Amino acid sequence: MSQRAMIDGYDTAMQGAVIEAYYGSSDFYNFGFWSADTGNQSQASEALVARLLEFIPPDRRDGRILDVACGLGASSRHLLRHFAPRQIVGINVSERQLERARHNAPGCEFRVMDATALEFPDASFDNILCVEAAFHFDTRAAFLREALRVLKPGGRLVHSDILMAPLPQTTSVRTHIPNANAMSDPAELERAILAAGFARAEVVDATEQCWTPFLRSVRRFKAAHKPPGPSTPRARRSAPIFFNPEYLARFIRRYVLACSHKSAD
């Protein structure tokens, strides 16, 4: 599958009727961060961004922030609670998604860009946010190096990530997730962050707060909204990838939250 075909597939899936129903038309598209009082997926998705921002102390929120793989702009919209629009830059590989992002976060800057080849000068941003996307990048290691480069001294990259086993050549997911990004545990990601040049890394295993409750939530949703008639292989293949949780469960090992610190020197 070409990158264009992959982008077109996500453009369709992220704005389809099933996704909008499940996410409450919030324009989020992530697993979320769940607690005992989380009522639905849109609340969990909002909470995930809020949880990542906890890695950035309030006194470090006075500069520019880059929202990498910003999707439809729901994460950028959340950033407006803490940053002025002129401080926020969002990037994504899909112009169609960015059209929606500009509506969700007016006044912010949005640009089509590859996360592994950032078109910004060195030391352009005080912080970087990346919600549940680095495992897609070709490669995660290249993204980490680019993030380090465009961060100012003392800057932070905060991101959520999915650690997956190597994928067989025959699976369709293989076209979305390079096997170079395969990892088994949080310690492996921490080593990769340090190898990219970051001075320090905090990697938190959030599998039980993110992936596990998301899996349960999607199963409940699918059971409650099961269409009439038997399910066919073609229908299962055409469903958005997030709505094949049993299939994803074959490969997902851990879900993590990470804060990578660039040296202040």
Protein backbone atom coordinates (compact mmCIF):
# COMPACT_ATOMS: atom_id res chain seq x y z
CA MET A 1 0.00 0.00 0.00
CA SER A 2 1.34 3.47 -0.92
CA GLN A 3 1.50 6.28 1.62
CA ARG A 4 -1.27 8.03 -0.33
CA ALA A 5 -3.54 5.01 -0.02
CA MET A 6 -2.80 4.76 3.69
CA ILE A 7 -3.60 8.46 4.22
CA ASP A 8 -6.83 8.14 2.24
CA GLY A 9 -7.81 5.15 4.34
CA TYR A 10 -7.31 7.02 7.59
CA ASP A 11 -9.07 10.11 6.23
CA THR A 12 -12.14 7.98 5.62
CA ALA A 13 -11.97 5.98 8.85
CA MET A 14 -11.46 8.99 11.12
CA GLN A 15 -14.57 10.76 9.89
CA GLY A 16 -16.88 7.82 9.28
CA ALA A 17 -20.25 7.34 10.94
CA VAL A 18 -19.06 4.56 13.25
CA ILE A 19 -16.11 6.55 14.54
CA GLU A 20 -18.19 9.70 15.04
CA ALA A 21 -20.78 7.73 17.00
CA TYR A 22 -18.19 6.08 19.21
CA TYR A 23 -16.15 9.22 19.85
CA GLY A 24 -19.22 11.43 20.25
CA SER A 25 -18.25 13.63 17.27
CA SER A 26 -15.32 14.89 19.36
CA ASP A 27 -12.82 14.49 16.47
CA PHE A 28 -10.53 12.45 18.72
CA TYR A 29 -9.07 9.16 17.50
CA ASN A 30 -7.09 7.61 20.34
CA PHE A 31 -7.43 4.95 23.04
CA GLY A 32 -7.83 7.50 25.82
CA PHE A 33 -6.87 7.51 29.49
CA TRP A 34 -9.57 5.92 31.65
CA SER A 35 -10.40 6.25 35.35
CA ALA A 36 -13.29 5.07 37.52
CA ASP A 37 -15.39 8.14 36.68
CA THR A 38 -14.75 8.19 32.90
CA GLY A 39 -18.12 8.13 31.20
CA ASN A 40 -17.30 7.64 27.52
CA GLN A 41 -14.57 7.54 24.91
CA SER A 42 -14.49 11.28 24.21
CA GLN A 43 -13.89 11.97 27.91
CA ALA A 44 -11.13 9.36 27.98
CA SER A 45 -9.51 10.85 24.86
CA GLU A 46 -9.57 14.34 26.38
CA ALA A 47 -8.11 12.93 29.59
CA LEU A 48 -5.21 11.37 27.68
CA VAL A 49 -4.08 14.75 26.37
CA ALA A 50 -4.51 16.25 29.84
CA ARG A 51 -2.45 13.45 31.37
CA LEU A 52 0.38 13.99 28.89
CA LEU A 53 0.42 17.71 29.62
CA GLU A 54 0.97 16.92 33.30
CA PHE A 55 4.55 16.13 32.27
CA ILE A 56 4.96 19.83 31.41
CA PRO A 57 4.95 22.03 34.55
CA PRO A 58 2.80 25.19 34.33
CA ASP A 59 5.92 27.38 34.46
CA ARG A 60 7.18 25.72 31.26
CA ARG A 61 4.04 26.44 29.21
CA ASP A 62 4.99 29.92 28.09
CA GLY A 63 6.65 29.03 24.78
CA ARG A 64 5.81 27.36 21.47
CA ILE A 65 4.44 23.83 21.33
CA LEU A 66 4.36 21.48 18.35
CA ASP A 67 1.44 19.04 18.06
CA VAL A 68 2.83 16.18 15.96
CA ALA A 69 0.32 14.06 14.02
CA CYS A 70 -2.46 16.33 15.24
CA GLY A 71 -5.17 14.46 13.32
CA LEU A 72 -8.45 16.37 13.17
CA GLY A 73 -7.23 18.95 15.67
CA ALA A 74 -8.90 17.73 18.86
CA SER A 75 -5.55 17.65 20.68
CA SER A 76 -4.70 21.14 19.39
CA ARG A 77 -8.10 22.33 20.58
CA HIS A 78 -7.25 21.00 24.05
CA LEU A 79 -3.91 22.83 23.96
CA LEU A 80 -5.82 26.11 23.67
CA ARG A 81 -6.71 25.68 27.35
CA HIS A 82 -3.08 26.28 28.23
CA PHE A 83 -1.46 28.05 25.27
CA ALA A 84 -2.32 31.02 23.08
CA PRO A 85 -3.16 30.13 19.45
CA ARG A 86 0.05 31.78 18.21
CA GLN A 87 2.07 29.35 20.37
CA ILE A 88 0.57 26.21 18.81
CA VAL A 89 1.73 24.57 15.59
CA GLY A 90 0.12 21.32 14.39
CA ILE A 91 1.50 19.02 11.70
CA ASN A 92 0.05 16.02 9.92
CA VAL A 93 0.54 14.14 6.65
CA SER A 94 -3.09 14.70 5.59
CA GLU A 95 -4.31 18.06 4.30
CA ARG A 96 -7.89 16.80 4.53
CA GLN A 97 -7.49 16.19 8.25
CA LEU A 98 -5.84 19.58 8.69
CA GLU A 99 -8.85 21.30 7.15
CA ARG A 100 -10.87 19.99 10.09
CA ALA A 101 -8.08 20.85 12.53
CA ARG A 102 -8.18 24.50 11.47
CA HIS A 103 -11.88 24.53 12.33
CA ASN A 104 -11.29 22.88 15.72
CA ALA A 105 -8.39 25.11 16.75
CA PRO A 106 -8.76 28.50 15.04
CA GLY A 107 -5.76 30.77 15.07
CA CYS A 108 -3.25 27.94 15.35
CA GLU A 109 -0.79 27.19 12.57
CA PHE A 110 -1.22 23.89 10.70
CA ARG A 111 1.13 22.43 8.11
CA VAL A 112 1.40 19.22 6.09
CA MET A 113 4.63 17.61 7.21
CA ASP A 114 6.35 14.30 7.84
CA ALA A 115 7.19 13.81 11.52
CA THR A 116 10.52 12.20 10.59
CA ALA A 117 11.64 15.19 8.49
CA LEU A 118 10.52 18.28 10.36
CA GLU A 119 10.76 21.46 8.30
CA PHE A 120 11.69 23.69 11.22
CA PRO A 121 15.02 25.20 12.26
CA ASP A 122 16.89 23.81 15.23
CA ALA A 123 15.57 24.87 18.64
CA SER A 124 12.17 26.05 17.34
CA PHE A 125 9.91 24.74 20.13
CA ASP A 126 9.78 24.66 23.90
CA ASN A 127 7.63 21.52 23.98
CA ILE A 128 6.34 18.82 21.64
CA LEU A 129 3.15 16.77 22.01
CA CYS A 130 2.54 13.55 20.09
CA VAL A 131 -0.60 11.55 20.89
CA GLU A 132 -0.54 7.87 19.93
CA ALA A 133 1.24 8.18 16.60
CA ALA A 134 4.99 7.52 16.93
CA PHE A 135 4.59 3.78 16.35
CA HIS A 136 3.35 4.64 12.83
CA PHE A 137 6.34 6.76 11.86
CA ASP A 138 9.00 5.45 9.51
CA THR A 139 10.75 5.30 11.88
CA ARG A 140 10.10 6.16 15.53
CA ALA A 141 13.86 6.54 16.02
CA ALA A 142 14.02 9.12 13.21
CA PHE A 143 11.17 11.05 14.80
CA LEU A 144 12.90 11.07 18.20
CA ARG A 145 16.05 12.51 16.63
CA GLU A 146 14.06 15.20 14.81
CA ALA A 147 12.11 16.05 17.96
CA LEU A 148 15.37 16.51 19.85
CA ARG A 149 16.72 18.76 17.10
CA VAL A 150 13.77 21.17 16.98
CA LEU A 151 13.40 21.40 20.77
CA LYS A 152 15.06 24.25 22.59
CA PRO A 153 17.56 23.40 25.35
CA GLY A 154 15.57 22.15 28.34
CA GLY A 155 12.55 21.34 26.14
CA ARG A 156 10.32 18.30 26.48
CA LEU A 157 8.70 15.79 24.18
CA VAL A 158 5.60 14.25 25.75
CA HIS A 159 3.97 11.42 23.90
CA SER A 160 1.79 8.35 24.21
CA ASP A 161 2.88 5.28 22.31
CA ILE A 162 1.87 1.73 21.49
CA LEU A 163 4.52 -0.98 21.80
CA MET A 164 3.83 -3.79 19.37
CA ALA A 165 5.34 -7.12 18.42
CA PRO A 166 6.80 -7.55 14.92
CA LEU A 167 4.00 -7.92 12.39
CA PRO A 168 3.76 -10.71 9.83
CA GLN A 169 4.19 -9.74 6.19
CA THR A 170 0.65 -10.88 5.42
CA THR A 171 -1.20 -8.54 7.77
CA SER A 172 -2.71 -5.29 6.47
CA VAL A 173 -1.53 -3.50 9.62
CA ARG A 174 2.03 -4.04 8.38
CA THR A 175 1.53 -1.22 5.84
CA HIS A 176 0.75 1.24 8.64
CA ILE A 177 3.34 0.19 11.23
CA PRO A 178 6.99 -0.42 10.29
CA ASN A 179 8.53 -3.44 11.97
CA ALA A 180 11.53 -1.29 12.77
CA ASN A 181 9.29 0.19 15.49
CA ALA A 182 8.58 -3.15 17.18
CA MET A 183 9.18 -3.05 20.93
CA SER A 184 8.25 -5.29 23.82
CA ASP A 185 8.44 -3.21 26.99
CA PRO A 186 8.78 0.36 28.36
CA ALA A 187 12.47 -0.10 29.14
CA GLU A 188 13.18 -0.63 25.44
CA LEU A 189 11.49 2.67 24.58
CA GLU A 190 13.44 4.44 27.31
CA ARG A 191 16.69 3.15 25.81
CA ALA A 192 15.61 4.36 22.36
CA ILE A 193 14.84 7.85 23.71
CA LEU A 194 18.25 8.09 25.35
CA ALA A 195 19.94 6.72 22.22
CA ALA A 196 18.34 9.55 20.23
CA GLY A 197 20.21 12.01 22.44
CA PHE A 198 17.73 13.02 25.12
CA ALA A 199 19.26 13.60 28.52
CA ARG A 200 16.54 11.88 30.50
CA ALA A 201 13.39 9.84 29.89
CA GLU A 202 10.33 9.00 31.95
CA VAL A 203 8.33 6.12 30.52
CA VAL A 204 5.15 5.09 32.34
CA ASP A 205 3.32 1.84 31.62
CA ALA A 206 -0.32 2.92 31.16
CA THR A 207 -1.65 -0.27 29.59
CA GLU A 208 -4.27 -0.72 32.31
CA GLN A 209 -5.41 2.91 32.02
CA CYS A 210 -5.45 3.12 28.21
CA TRP A 211 -5.42 -0.02 26.08
CA THR A 212 -7.25 -2.44 28.39
CA PRO A 213 -10.28 -0.20 29.10
CA PHE A 214 -10.40 0.92 25.47
CA LEU A 215 -10.60 -2.72 24.42
CA ARG A 216 -13.51 -3.30 26.82
CA SER A 217 -15.26 -0.12 25.68
CA VAL A 218 -15.08 -0.98 21.98
CA ARG A 219 -16.39 -4.47 22.67
CA ARG A 220 -19.37 -3.03 24.53
CA PHE A 221 -20.03 -0.52 21.76
CA LYS A 222 -19.87 -3.17 19.07
CA ALA A 223 -22.23 -5.44 21.00
CA ALA A 224 -24.74 -2.62 21.43
CA HIS A 225 -24.54 -1.47 17.81
CA LYS A 226 -24.24 -4.78 16.02
CA PRO A 227 -25.88 -4.48 12.58
CA PRO A 228 -28.55 -6.99 11.60
CA GLY A 229 -27.46 -10.07 9.73
CA PRO A 230 -24.30 -12.17 9.92
CA SER A 231 -20.86 -10.56 9.97
CA THR A 232 -18.85 -11.23 6.82
CA PRO A 233 -15.06 -11.32 6.34
CA ARG A 234 -15.33 -8.40 3.92
CA ALA A 235 -17.23 -6.27 6.47
CA ARG A 236 -14.68 -7.07 9.16
CA ARG A 237 -11.79 -6.11 6.88
CA SER A 238 -13.42 -2.80 5.91
CA ALA A 239 -14.11 -1.70 9.51
CA PRO A 240 -11.83 0.99 10.99
CA ILE A 241 -8.76 -0.63 12.48
CA PHE A 242 -9.69 0.48 16.00
CA PHE A 243 -12.88 -1.53 15.69
CA ASN A 244 -11.01 -4.79 15.26
CA PRO A 245 -9.72 -4.90 18.87
CA GLU A 246 -9.25 -8.66 18.99
CA TYR A 247 -7.05 -8.41 15.91
CA LEU A 248 -4.97 -5.59 17.40
CA ALA A 249 -4.67 -7.52 20.66
CA ARG A 250 -2.57 -10.12 18.84
CA PHE A 251 0.23 -7.57 18.45
CA ILE A 252 -0.08 -4.90 21.15
CA ARG A 253 2.28 -5.52 24.07
CA ARG A 254 2.13 -2.35 26.17
CA TYR A 255 0.75 1.19 26.06
CA VAL A 256 3.03 3.87 27.47
CA LEU A 257 3.22 7.56 28.32
CA ALA A 258 6.63 9.15 27.94
CA CYS A 259 8.37 12.42 28.72
CA SER A 260 11.73 12.98 27.06
CA HIS A 261 13.91 15.79 28.42
CA LYS A 262 16.43 17.64 26.29
CA SER A 263 19.53 18.82 28.10
CA ALA A 264 19.44 22.45 29.19
CA ASP A 265 23.08 22.92 28.15
